[in-house]
Amino acid sequence: MTPATTRAVRVALVSALALGTVISGLGAASAQPEAASTARPAAWGPCAADVLAEIPAAQRDKVSCAVQEVPVDHSRPRGDKTGVIMMKRPALNPAKKIGSLFINPGGPGGAGLIYSAYGSSFFTPEILEKFDLIGFDPRGVGRSAPLRCFRTQEEADAVNEGWFALPITKDEIASSIRQSKVYTDYCGINAGPLLNHMSTEAVARDLDVMREAVGDRQLTFVGFSYGTLLGATYANIFPAKSRALVLDGNVDPQLRLTNGAQYDRERARGFEIALDAMLKRCDSVGVEKCAFAGGARKKFDNIRENLRKGPTTLPGGVVVTLTDLVGRTASNLYSPPTFKALTTWLQSIHAAQNPSAAAALAVQSVVDVPMLNNLSGRADVRVLPETPYTSDDSYYAVNCTDKPFTKSNRNWASTAAKWEKESPTFGRYQAASDLLTCPTWPARHPDRWIGPWNRKTKNPIVVVGNYYDPATQYLFSQRMAKQLGNARLISVDAFGHCILGDSAGADAAVTRYLVDLTAPVNGSVYQPNVQPF
């Protein structure tokens, strides 16, 4: 999402931090969209030692933490409560402080607590001087009463067994459908009171409580990826309380909240667009800069189709499957600094499949965790008997609440085949996530905001989009800007998912907006600091 170091930081920050409880309360009342809050002021204090261990040593004596109490169900503000944990990195120049800047890293399910300690990765020194940076784990995520579908890691592993990231054969498809249903059954048993209250609307209402708790009259917010939906939702529930909102790497809110299947189908297309652009860029720079150059598109398609027939063994004995190819390619498309390693790896597969065409390259590279469907990291954990389950299941809890799907996955195979025909590399892979799981999600009558999206804020909302963003294609940013009641779209001619911290021009424009409320010229186009290859 940013140049090499910053992008690595951003990926590493989405970690599984786990703690929190739901607090029982009494009474019931009806919450109005702009109802006055009775939020208690945030009680800042030292952060826990294991939280501090997650941030740079130089920041540990600067940050403080607080747990903010919010209603489980905002329509019953005096009912049960849950806690949302926040971390504050204070403004470096208190005399010039403007207010607080809340940050959401996306996901959904991204644990954003420690993002405030990494503000220099995304924001200019002027922003760090003038704003308290506030990171938080949204409800059900990380340390904020994590929503968990399992009691032990062994339960999770048993469900994950036979649940394929890329089901192709009849047996793999049947097994994945069966195991995804077992998964949602576990969620119905174990998820607890948050199950019906994990919508983006609920998080937006939490955010308003947090805003008041830190003493800000209006919200200043930067949301990345899914965080753009959170920002857009807040702006439309609380337009008068929205000071300055920056949305980087945008979803299409209307499509996402009205047709989950079509939204995911178009997400797959976004990955295909980014892949095709990357392969063309590889060819344009030549083999000296990109090992896969020379008919890169055709070579990639041949690799993919060969892997459909069976795995390829690289020199040294490493076995590459179709799932490996699709998963790693999807992951690396998020981060342009990884393109060179990715294309070198692709060339090694091509050489292994075509030994007469070229000598196989002796290249070993890190195998990245797939970003589209890695079961929230659970598939990578080695455990001992009766190991406590420490992950959370907020990804599906939010997506399956927000995004409407048909209530049956019996037609999954034909739909996946259709998506695969349209998006040969990523169509089936994308279909193997929400489209497979959400039809049997056990939440009943969840709270969810479905619009309107066009309520006017006093200040324009700044929408930022990369031309070749894989996960939230550029078209989504264009749609976001059109749907919002008052927005300015700025674009970056860049690869990768999200851009703040990676484009001096965009960063300068965002700084002026956050500090002075001077919105950039609509339609402005900027360049990234570094081009791939």
Protein backbone atom coordinates (compact mmCIF):
# COMPACT_ATOMS: atom_id res chain seq x y z
CA MET A 1 0.00 0.00 0.00
CA THR A 2 3.03 2.27 0.30
CA PRO A 3 6.69 2.08 -0.79
CA ALA A 4 8.61 -0.96 0.35
CA THR A 5 8.90 -0.18 4.05
CA THR A 6 5.52 1.47 4.49
CA ARG A 7 3.69 -1.22 2.53
CA ALA A 8 5.32 -3.90 4.65
CA VAL A 9 4.33 -2.00 7.78
CA ARG A 10 0.73 -1.68 6.63
CA VAL A 11 0.41 -5.39 5.90
CA ALA A 12 2.12 -6.33 9.16
CA LEU A 13 -0.14 -4.04 11.18
CA VAL A 14 -3.29 -6.01 10.32
CA SER A 15 -2.56 -8.42 13.16
CA ALA A 16 -4.71 -10.55 15.45
CA LEU A 17 -4.75 -8.76 18.81
CA ALA A 18 -7.28 -10.33 21.14
CA LEU A 19 -9.06 -9.09 24.26
CA GLY A 20 -12.44 -7.66 25.24
CA THR A 21 -15.81 -8.34 26.80
CA VAL A 22 -19.47 -7.56 26.38
CA ILE A 23 -20.93 -5.82 29.42
CA SER A 24 -24.51 -6.47 30.48
CA GLY A 25 -26.78 -3.47 30.93
CA LEU A 26 -30.43 -2.63 31.55
CA GLY A 27 -33.15 -0.71 29.78
CA ALA A 28 -34.07 0.06 26.18
CA ALA A 29 -34.47 3.19 24.10
CA SER A 30 -34.65 4.21 20.47
CA ALA A 31 -31.59 5.82 18.89
CA GLN A 32 -32.07 8.51 16.24
CA PRO A 33 -29.52 9.06 13.42
CA GLU A 34 -28.32 12.37 14.91
CA ALA A 35 -29.34 11.73 18.54
CA ALA A 36 -27.22 13.41 21.18
CA SER A 37 -24.70 11.01 22.66
CA THR A 38 -23.99 10.58 26.34
CA ALA A 39 -20.46 9.33 25.78
CA ARG A 40 -18.17 9.35 28.76
CA PRO A 41 -14.87 11.16 28.19
CA ALA A 42 -12.11 8.77 27.16
CA ALA A 43 -10.12 7.59 30.18
CA TRP A 44 -6.60 7.53 28.75
CA GLY A 45 -3.97 5.50 30.54
CA PRO A 46 -0.94 3.30 29.89
CA CYS A 47 -1.24 0.72 27.13
CA ALA A 48 -0.80 -2.93 28.04
CA ALA A 49 2.72 -4.31 27.75
CA ASP A 50 1.81 -6.69 24.96
CA VAL A 51 0.28 -3.80 23.00
CA LEU A 52 3.44 -1.71 23.42
CA ALA A 53 5.49 -4.66 22.19
CA GLU A 54 3.71 -4.28 18.83
CA ILE A 55 4.93 -0.72 18.17
CA PRO A 56 8.36 0.91 17.67
CA ALA A 57 10.30 1.45 20.86
CA ALA A 58 10.52 5.18 20.18
CA GLN A 59 6.72 5.47 20.37
CA ARG A 60 6.08 3.47 23.52
CA ASP A 61 6.39 6.35 25.97
CA LYS A 62 4.24 8.63 23.80
CA VAL A 63 1.05 6.62 23.31
CA SER A 64 -1.84 6.01 25.67
CA CYS A 65 -4.86 3.70 25.50
CA ALA A 66 -8.52 3.72 26.51
CA VAL A 67 -11.51 1.41 26.24
CA GLN A 68 -14.66 3.23 25.19
CA GLU A 69 -18.01 1.74 26.17
CA VAL A 70 -20.58 1.62 23.35
CA PRO A 71 -24.01 -0.03 23.06
CA VAL A 72 -24.07 -3.49 21.52
CA ASP A 73 -27.30 -2.37 19.82
CA HIS A 74 -27.41 1.37 19.17
CA SER A 75 -31.21 1.27 19.00
CA ARG A 76 -31.05 0.28 22.69
CA PRO A 77 -28.46 2.72 24.05
CA ARG A 78 -29.08 1.68 27.67
CA GLY A 79 -28.90 -2.02 26.90
CA ASP A 80 -25.85 -4.28 26.84
CA LYS A 81 -22.50 -2.58 26.27
CA THR A 82 -19.28 -3.59 24.59
CA GLY A 83 -15.82 -2.05 24.66
CA VAL A 84 -13.84 -0.50 21.80
CA ILE A 85 -10.15 -0.04 22.47
CA MET A 86 -8.34 3.09 21.23
CA MET A 87 -4.69 4.21 21.11
CA LYS A 88 -3.70 7.88 21.00
CA ARG A 89 -0.45 9.32 19.70
CA PRO A 90 -0.61 12.98 20.75
CA ALA A 91 0.02 15.89 18.40
CA LEU A 92 3.70 16.76 18.33
CA ASN A 93 2.93 20.47 18.69
CA PRO A 94 0.10 20.82 21.24
CA ALA A 95 -0.01 24.59 20.76
CA LYS A 96 -1.06 24.08 17.14
CA LYS A 97 -3.33 21.11 17.71
CA ILE A 98 -6.47 21.08 15.55
CA GLY A 99 -8.09 17.96 16.98
CA SER A 100 -8.04 14.19 16.63
CA LEU A 101 -7.57 12.18 13.44
CA PHE A 102 -9.19 8.74 13.52
CA ILE A 103 -7.72 6.00 11.31
CA ASN A 104 -9.27 2.79 10.01
CA PRO A 105 -7.02 0.38 8.05
CA GLY A 106 -9.77 -1.57 6.29
CA GLY A 107 -10.43 -5.29 6.25
CA PRO A 108 -13.16 -5.56 7.30
CA GLY A 109 -11.65 -6.95 10.43
CA GLY A 110 -8.48 -4.88 10.28
CA ALA A 111 -7.15 -4.33 13.80
CA GLY A 112 -6.33 -0.62 13.68
CA LEU A 113 -5.30 -0.01 17.29
CA ILE A 114 -1.58 0.46 16.71
CA TYR A 115 -1.88 2.44 13.47
CA SER A 116 -1.62 5.67 15.43
CA ALA A 117 1.97 4.73 16.33
CA TYR A 118 2.83 4.37 12.65
CA GLY A 119 1.42 7.68 11.47
CA SER A 120 4.65 8.76 9.80
CA SER A 121 4.16 5.93 7.31
CA PHE A 122 1.01 7.57 5.93
CA PHE A 123 0.97 11.23 6.91
CA THR A 124 3.18 14.30 6.48
CA PRO A 125 5.02 15.88 9.43
CA GLU A 126 2.50 18.75 9.48
CA ILE A 127 -0.36 16.34 10.17
CA LEU A 128 1.64 14.66 12.93
CA GLU A 129 2.25 18.07 14.50
CA LYS A 130 -1.38 19.18 14.50
CA PHE A 131 -3.47 16.09 15.20
CA ASP A 132 -3.74 13.47 17.88
CA LEU A 133 -3.72 10.24 15.89
CA ILE A 134 -6.34 7.76 17.11
CA GLY A 135 -6.16 4.10 16.11
CA PHE A 136 -8.83 1.65 17.23
CA ASP A 137 -9.94 -1.94 16.88
CA PRO A 138 -13.56 -1.84 15.71
CA ARG A 139 -16.15 -3.85 17.62
CA GLY A 140 -15.62 -7.59 17.35
CA VAL A 141 -12.05 -7.11 16.12
CA GLY A 142 -8.70 -7.71 17.80
CA ARG A 143 -8.93 -6.43 21.37
CA SER A 144 -12.44 -5.03 21.10
CA ALA A 145 -14.55 -7.97 22.31
CA PRO A 146 -13.43 -10.18 19.40
CA LEU A 147 -16.21 -12.12 17.73
CA ARG A 148 -15.10 -15.75 17.72
CA CYS A 149 -16.76 -18.71 16.09
CA PHE A 150 -14.59 -21.31 17.83
CA ARG A 151 -13.52 -22.14 21.36
CA THR A 152 -10.28 -23.89 20.41
CA GLN A 153 -7.87 -23.83 17.51
CA GLU A 154 -8.53 -27.54 17.02
CA GLU A 155 -12.17 -26.79 16.26
CA ALA A 156 -11.11 -24.20 13.70
CA ASP A 157 -8.60 -26.55 12.08
CA ALA A 158 -11.19 -29.30 11.77
CA VAL A 159 -13.51 -26.93 9.92
CA ASN A 160 -10.75 -25.53 7.71
CA GLU A 161 -9.79 -29.05 6.64
CA GLY A 162 -11.53 -29.61 3.35
CA TRP A 163 -12.40 -25.94 2.86
CA PHE A 164 -10.51 -25.02 -0.31
CA ALA A 165 -9.37 -21.53 -1.28
CA LEU A 166 -9.82 -22.49 -4.93
CA PRO A 167 -12.30 -25.39 -5.22
CA ILE A 168 -12.36 -26.80 -8.76
CA THR A 169 -13.34 -30.47 -8.75
CA LYS A 170 -16.81 -31.69 -7.76
CA ASP A 171 -15.38 -33.19 -4.59
CA GLU A 172 -13.55 -29.95 -3.65
CA ILE A 173 -16.68 -27.88 -4.30
CA ALA A 174 -18.93 -30.21 -2.30
CA SER A 175 -16.44 -30.31 0.56
CA SER A 176 -16.05 -26.52 0.62
CA ILE A 177 -19.80 -25.96 0.64
CA ARG A 178 -20.18 -28.47 3.44
CA GLN A 179 -17.35 -27.03 5.55
CA SER A 180 -18.45 -23.43 5.07
CA LYS A 181 -21.86 -24.44 6.43
CA VAL A 182 -20.21 -26.11 9.42
CA TYR A 183 -18.26 -22.88 9.95
CA THR A 184 -21.38 -20.71 10.01
CA ASP A 185 -23.05 -23.23 12.34
CA TYR A 186 -20.15 -22.79 14.77
CA CYS A 187 -20.58 -19.02 14.49
CA GLY A 188 -24.25 -19.32 15.38
CA ILE A 189 -23.31 -21.27 18.51
CA ASN A 190 -20.27 -19.32 19.72
CA ALA A 191 -20.32 -15.75 18.33
CA GLY A 192 -22.38 -14.27 21.15
CA PRO A 193 -24.37 -11.03 21.37
CA LEU A 194 -22.39 -9.16 18.72
CA LEU A 195 -23.56 -11.57 15.99
CA ASN A 196 -26.47 -9.33 14.92
CA HIS A 197 -24.58 -6.09 15.47
CA MET A 198 -21.42 -6.22 13.34
CA SER A 199 -22.57 -3.96 10.52
CA THR A 200 -20.62 -0.98 9.25
CA GLU A 201 -23.51 1.14 10.50
CA ALA A 202 -22.87 -0.08 14.04
CA VAL A 203 -19.16 0.76 13.73
CA ALA A 204 -19.99 4.23 12.37
CA ARG A 205 -22.17 4.86 15.42
CA ASP A 206 -19.34 3.62 17.64
CA LEU A 207 -17.05 6.07 15.86
CA ASP A 208 -19.37 8.93 16.73
CA VAL A 209 -19.25 7.92 20.38
CA MET A 210 -15.45 7.84 20.22
CA ARG A 211 -15.38 11.26 18.52
CA GLU A 212 -17.36 12.78 21.38
CA ALA A 213 -15.33 10.90 23.99
CA VAL A 214 -12.07 12.51 22.81
CA GLY A 215 -13.68 15.95 22.89
CA ASP A 216 -14.01 16.69 19.17
CA ARG A 217 -17.09 18.55 17.93
CA GLN A 218 -16.70 17.04 14.45
CA LEU A 219 -14.95 13.99 13.01
CA THR A 220 -11.67 14.05 11.13
CA PHE A 221 -11.07 10.62 9.61
CA VAL A 222 -8.89 8.72 7.16
CA GLY A 223 -10.15 5.33 5.98
CA PHE A 224 -8.28 2.86 3.82
CA SER A 225 -10.03 0.23 1.67
CA TYR A 226 -13.05 -1.06 3.63
CA GLY A 227 -12.46 1.97 5.86
CA THR A 228 -13.84 4.07 2.99
CA LEU A 229 -17.23 2.43 3.52
CA LEU A 230 -17.01 3.28 7.21
CA GLY A 231 -16.25 6.92 6.37
CA ALA A 232 -19.03 7.13 3.78
CA THR A 233 -21.50 5.59 6.21
CA TYR A 234 -20.55 8.03 8.95
CA ALA A 235 -20.89 10.99 6.57
CA ASN A 236 -24.42 9.97 5.66
CA ILE A 237 -25.62 9.21 9.20
CA PHE A 238 -23.85 12.22 10.74
CA PRO A 239 -23.30 14.77 7.94
CA ALA A 240 -23.27 17.74 10.32
CA LYS A 241 -20.62 16.08 12.48
CA SER A 242 -18.24 15.38 9.57
CA ARG A 243 -15.31 17.83 9.48
CA ALA A 244 -12.84 16.26 7.03
CA LEU A 245 -12.96 12.70 5.68
CA VAL A 246 -10.34 11.14 3.39
CA LEU A 247 -11.29 7.86 1.70
CA ASP A 248 -8.33 6.01 0.11
CA GLY A 249 -8.89 2.87 -2.01
CA ASN A 250 -12.67 3.03 -2.27
CA VAL A 251 -15.48 0.54 -2.26
CA ASP A 252 -18.68 1.10 -4.23
CA PRO A 253 -21.04 1.58 -1.26
CA GLN A 254 -24.34 1.32 -3.09
CA LEU A 255 -23.39 -1.86 -4.92
CA ARG A 256 -21.78 -3.46 -1.89
CA LEU A 257 -24.84 -2.86 0.31
CA THR A 258 -27.44 -3.92 -2.28
CA ASN A 259 -25.87 -6.76 -4.30
CA GLY A 260 -23.03 -8.63 -2.62
CA ALA A 261 -22.54 -11.11 -5.46
CA GLN A 262 -22.21 -8.47 -8.15
CA TYR A 263 -19.86 -6.45 -5.97
CA ASP A 264 -17.54 -9.45 -5.53
CA ARG A 265 -17.81 -10.27 -9.21
CA GLU A 266 -16.59 -6.77 -10.03
CA ARG A 267 -13.85 -7.11 -7.42
CA ALA A 268 -12.50 -10.07 -9.37
CA ARG A 269 -12.45 -7.90 -12.48
CA GLY A 270 -10.42 -5.32 -10.60
CA PHE A 271 -7.70 -7.87 -9.87
CA GLU A 272 -7.70 -8.90 -13.53
CA ILE A 273 -7.30 -5.27 -14.64
CA ALA A 274 -4.36 -4.79 -12.27
CA LEU A 275 -2.72 -8.05 -13.35
CA ASP A 276 -3.01 -7.19 -17.03
CA ALA A 277 -1.53 -3.73 -16.45
CA MET A 278 1.35 -5.19 -14.44
CA LEU A 279 2.16 -7.72 -17.18
CA LYS A 280 2.10 -4.99 -19.82
CA ARG A 281 4.40 -2.84 -17.69
CA CYS A 282 6.73 -5.83 -17.32
CA ASP A 283 6.96 -6.21 -21.11
CA SER A 284 7.52 -2.48 -21.58
CA VAL A 285 10.55 -2.33 -19.26
CA GLY A 286 12.22 -5.45 -20.72
CA VAL A 287 13.97 -8.45 -19.23
CA GLU A 288 16.73 -6.42 -17.56
CA LYS A 289 14.18 -4.98 -15.16
CA CYS A 290 11.48 -7.65 -15.29
CA ALA A 291 12.54 -11.28 -15.68
CA PHE A 292 9.12 -12.27 -17.00
CA ALA A 293 9.18 -9.82 -19.94
CA GLY A 294 8.60 -11.07 -23.46
CA GLY A 295 5.00 -12.08 -24.05
CA ALA A 296 4.25 -11.86 -20.34
CA ARG A 297 0.47 -12.06 -20.77
CA LYS A 298 0.63 -15.21 -22.87
CA LYS A 299 3.19 -16.80 -20.57
CA PHE A 300 1.08 -16.11 -17.50
CA ASP A 301 -2.03 -17.59 -19.10
CA ASN A 302 -0.07 -20.68 -20.13
CA ILE A 303 1.28 -21.09 -16.60
CA ARG A 304 -2.21 -20.85 -15.16
CA GLU A 305 -3.71 -23.37 -17.58
CA ASN A 306 -0.81 -25.81 -17.06
CA LEU A 307 -1.31 -25.59 -13.29
CA ARG A 308 -4.99 -26.39 -13.73
CA LYS A 309 -3.83 -29.77 -15.01
CA GLY A 310 -1.47 -30.35 -12.11
CA PRO A 311 1.31 -28.79 -9.99
CA THR A 312 4.75 -27.77 -11.24
CA THR A 313 7.96 -28.64 -9.38
CA LEU A 314 10.67 -25.97 -9.36
CA PRO A 315 14.41 -26.67 -9.04
CA GLY A 316 15.05 -27.48 -5.40
CA GLY A 317 11.82 -29.39 -5.09
CA VAL A 318 9.37 -26.55 -4.38
CA VAL A 319 5.92 -27.54 -5.66
CA VAL A 320 3.68 -24.81 -7.07
CA THR A 321 -0.09 -25.30 -7.38
CA LEU A 322 -2.77 -23.23 -9.07
CA THR A 323 -3.85 -21.99 -5.64
CA ASP A 324 -0.26 -20.86 -4.98
CA LEU A 325 -0.17 -18.96 -8.27
CA VAL A 326 -3.49 -17.18 -7.79
CA GLY A 327 -2.98 -16.51 -4.09
CA ARG A 328 0.51 -15.08 -4.37
CA THR A 329 -0.31 -13.02 -7.46
CA ALA A 330 -3.35 -11.53 -5.72
CA SER A 331 -1.28 -10.74 -2.64
CA ASN A 332 1.60 -9.15 -4.53
CA LEU A 333 -0.67 -6.97 -6.64
CA TYR A 334 -1.39 -5.03 -3.43
CA SER A 335 2.25 -3.95 -3.22
CA PRO A 336 4.27 -2.71 -6.25
CA PRO A 337 7.63 -3.20 -4.50
CA THR A 338 6.95 -6.95 -4.66
CA PHE A 339 6.37 -6.98 -8.43
CA LYS A 340 10.00 -7.71 -9.27
CA ALA A 341 10.12 -10.74 -6.96
CA LEU A 342 6.73 -11.91 -8.23
CA THR A 343 7.71 -11.75 -11.88
CA THR A 344 11.03 -13.50 -11.19
CA TRP A 345 9.05 -16.28 -9.50
CA LEU A 346 6.68 -16.45 -12.47
CA GLN A 347 9.62 -16.78 -14.83
CA SER A 348 10.96 -19.66 -12.76
CA ILE A 349 7.61 -21.45 -13.14
CA HIS A 350 7.57 -20.75 -16.87
CA ALA A 351 11.10 -22.13 -17.22
CA ALA A 352 10.22 -25.24 -15.23
CA GLN A 353 7.19 -25.85 -17.44
CA ASN A 354 9.25 -25.18 -20.60
CA PRO A 355 12.73 -26.56 -19.90
CA SER A 356 13.76 -26.36 -23.54
CA ALA A 357 12.89 -22.66 -23.74
CA ALA A 358 15.16 -21.43 -20.96
CA ALA A 359 17.22 -22.60 -18.03
CA ALA A 360 15.26 -22.59 -14.82
CA LEU A 361 16.14 -19.68 -12.56
CA ALA A 362 17.53 -20.58 -9.15
CA VAL A 363 15.30 -18.18 -7.30
CA GLN A 364 13.83 -18.63 -3.85
CA SER A 365 11.41 -15.98 -2.66
CA VAL A 366 9.04 -15.48 0.24
CA VAL A 367 5.62 -17.06 -0.26
CA ASP A 368 3.14 -14.35 0.67
CA VAL A 369 -0.13 -15.06 2.46
CA PRO A 370 -2.99 -14.80 -0.07
CA MET A 371 -5.04 -11.68 0.52
CA LEU A 372 -8.40 -12.78 -0.92
CA ASN A 373 -9.11 -15.83 1.18
CA ASN A 374 -6.62 -17.11 3.73
CA LEU A 375 -9.30 -17.87 6.32
CA SER A 376 -8.18 -14.84 8.32
CA GLY A 377 -4.76 -16.40 8.83
CA ARG A 378 -6.11 -19.43 10.66
CA ALA A 379 -4.79 -21.83 8.03
CA ASP A 380 -1.20 -20.93 8.93
CA VAL A 381 -1.25 -21.68 12.65
CA ARG A 382 0.38 -24.77 14.14
CA VAL A 383 -1.25 -25.69 17.41
CA LEU A 384 -1.08 -28.03 20.38
CA PRO A 385 -4.06 -30.00 21.71
CA GLU A 386 -6.80 -27.79 23.23
CA THR A 387 -5.07 -24.62 22.10
CA PRO A 388 -7.16 -21.51 22.77
CA TYR A 389 -8.58 -19.91 19.65
CA THR A 390 -7.08 -16.41 19.53
CA SER A 391 -8.13 -15.19 16.09
CA ASP A 392 -11.46 -13.53 15.37
CA ASP A 393 -14.11 -13.97 12.70
CA SER A 394 -14.95 -10.34 12.12
CA TYR A 395 -14.24 -10.52 8.36
CA TYR A 396 -17.27 -12.67 7.64
CA ALA A 397 -19.27 -11.12 10.47
CA VAL A 398 -19.07 -7.71 8.80
CA ASN A 399 -19.26 -8.78 5.17
CA CYS A 400 -22.10 -11.23 5.65
CA THR A 401 -24.03 -8.59 7.61
CA ASP A 402 -23.49 -5.75 5.14
CA LYS A 403 -23.60 -7.55 1.80
CA PRO A 404 -26.86 -9.22 0.76
CA PHE A 405 -26.62 -12.66 -0.88
CA THR A 406 -29.17 -15.27 -1.79
CA LYS A 407 -29.85 -17.65 1.09
CA SER A 408 -28.55 -20.71 -0.75
CA ASN A 409 -25.17 -21.65 -2.20
CA ARG A 410 -26.56 -24.60 -4.19
CA ASN A 411 -25.75 -22.76 -7.45
CA TRP A 412 -22.26 -21.84 -6.35
CA ALA A 413 -20.48 -24.08 -8.90
CA SER A 414 -22.24 -22.58 -11.92
CA THR A 415 -21.77 -19.03 -10.64
CA ALA A 416 -18.07 -19.62 -9.95
CA ALA A 417 -17.63 -21.04 -13.46
CA LYS A 418 -19.29 -17.94 -14.93
CA TRP A 419 -17.07 -15.60 -12.93
CA GLU A 420 -14.02 -17.63 -13.91
CA LYS A 421 -14.89 -17.27 -17.59
CA GLU A 422 -15.03 -13.50 -17.18
CA SER A 423 -11.99 -13.25 -14.86
CA PRO A 424 -9.84 -16.32 -15.64
CA THR A 425 -7.33 -15.84 -12.82
CA PHE A 426 -9.38 -14.42 -9.97
CA GLY A 427 -13.06 -15.13 -10.67
CA ARG A 428 -13.28 -18.51 -8.94
CA TYR A 429 -10.94 -17.41 -6.17
CA GLN A 430 -13.14 -14.44 -5.33
CA ALA A 431 -16.26 -16.59 -5.47
CA ALA A 432 -14.76 -18.96 -2.89
CA SER A 433 -15.06 -16.36 -0.13
CA ASP A 434 -18.27 -14.45 0.68
CA LEU A 435 -20.37 -16.02 -2.07
CA LEU A 436 -19.67 -19.43 -0.55
CA THR A 437 -20.10 -18.52 3.11
CA CYS A 438 -22.54 -15.65 3.53
CA PRO A 439 -25.68 -17.48 2.31
CA THR A 440 -25.70 -19.50 5.55
CA TRP A 441 -24.49 -16.77 7.93
CA PRO A 442 -26.60 -17.10 11.11
CA ALA A 443 -27.28 -13.43 11.93
CA ARG A 444 -30.98 -12.55 11.95
CA HIS A 445 -32.35 -9.07 11.20
CA PRO A 446 -28.98 -7.33 11.60
CA ASP A 447 -28.69 -3.55 11.69
CA ARG A 448 -27.24 -2.32 8.39
CA TRP A 449 -27.13 1.04 6.61
CA ILE A 450 -28.20 0.78 2.96
CA GLY A 451 -28.34 4.48 2.17
CA PRO A 452 -28.90 7.21 1.30
CA TRP A 453 -25.34 8.00 0.29
CA ASN A 454 -25.86 11.55 -0.99
CA ARG A 455 -26.31 13.59 2.18
CA LYS A 456 -24.26 16.77 1.92
CA THR A 457 -21.40 17.51 4.27
CA LYS A 458 -20.28 21.12 4.74
CA ASN A 459 -16.79 20.31 3.52
CA PRO A 460 -16.17 18.06 0.51
CA ILE A 461 -15.10 14.50 1.23
CA VAL A 462 -11.80 13.67 -0.48
CA VAL A 463 -11.91 10.41 -2.45
CA VAL A 464 -8.53 8.98 -3.51
CA GLY A 465 -8.17 6.25 -6.13
CA ASN A 466 -5.29 4.44 -7.86
CA TYR A 467 -5.73 3.62 -11.54
CA TYR A 468 -4.55 0.02 -11.02
CA ASP A 469 -5.76 -0.77 -7.52
CA PRO A 470 -6.54 -4.52 -7.53
CA ALA A 471 -8.78 -4.88 -4.48
CA THR A 472 -10.86 -1.72 -4.98
CA GLN A 473 -10.70 -0.97 -8.68
CA TYR A 474 -10.56 2.64 -9.84
CA LEU A 475 -14.14 2.49 -11.08
CA PHE A 476 -15.23 2.07 -7.46
CA SER A 477 -13.54 5.36 -6.49
CA GLN A 478 -15.33 7.11 -9.37
CA ARG A 479 -18.64 5.68 -8.18
CA MET A 480 -17.96 6.64 -4.56
CA ALA A 481 -17.32 10.25 -5.56
CA LYS A 482 -20.54 10.36 -7.59
CA GLN A 483 -22.68 8.77 -4.89
CA LEU A 484 -21.55 11.06 -2.08
CA GLY A 485 -23.40 14.34 -1.75
CA ASN A 486 -20.25 16.49 -1.68
CA ALA A 487 -16.96 14.95 -2.79
CA ARG A 488 -13.74 15.62 -4.69
CA LEU A 489 -11.99 12.79 -6.55
CA ILE A 490 -8.23 12.81 -6.82
CA SER A 491 -6.43 10.05 -8.71
CA VAL A 492 -2.95 8.57 -8.77
CA ASP A 493 -1.50 6.87 -11.85
CA ALA A 494 -0.27 4.03 -9.69
CA PHE A 495 -0.39 0.32 -8.99
CA GLY A 496 -1.14 -1.15 -5.58
CA HIS A 497 -3.91 -0.94 -3.00
CA CYS A 498 -4.27 2.55 -1.46
CA ILE A 499 -1.70 5.31 -1.85
CA LEU A 500 -1.30 7.69 1.12
CA GLY A 501 2.38 7.84 2.03
CA ASP A 502 3.32 6.76 -1.48
CA SER A 503 2.61 9.88 -3.57
CA ALA A 504 4.06 13.26 -2.59
CA GLY A 505 1.49 15.12 -4.65
CA ALA A 506 -1.51 13.31 -3.19
CA ASP A 507 -0.03 13.58 0.32
CA ALA A 508 0.39 17.36 -0.04
CA ALA A 509 -3.20 17.74 -1.26
CA VAL A 510 -4.54 15.63 1.62
CA THR A 511 -2.45 17.59 4.13
CA ARG A 512 -3.89 20.92 3.03
CA TYR A 513 -7.38 19.47 3.21
CA LEU A 514 -7.01 17.96 6.69
CA VAL A 515 -5.24 21.00 8.11
CA ASP A 516 -6.87 23.95 6.34
CA LEU A 517 -10.04 22.33 4.93
CA THR A 518 -8.85 23.37 1.47
CA ALA A 519 -10.20 20.61 -0.75
CA PRO A 520 -8.14 19.64 -3.83
CA VAL A 521 -9.37 20.39 -7.32
CA ASN A 522 -11.74 17.67 -8.45
CA GLY A 523 -10.14 15.43 -11.06
CA SER A 524 -6.54 16.14 -10.01
CA VAL A 525 -4.10 13.38 -11.06
CA TYR A 526 -0.83 12.66 -9.25
CA GLN A 527 2.09 10.30 -9.71
CA PRO A 528 3.49 7.76 -7.23
CA ASN A 529 6.89 8.36 -5.67
CA VAL A 530 8.25 5.13 -7.16
CA GLN A 531 7.22 3.13 -10.21
CA PRO A 532 7.35 -0.69 -10.17
CA PHE A 533 10.36 -2.43 -11.70
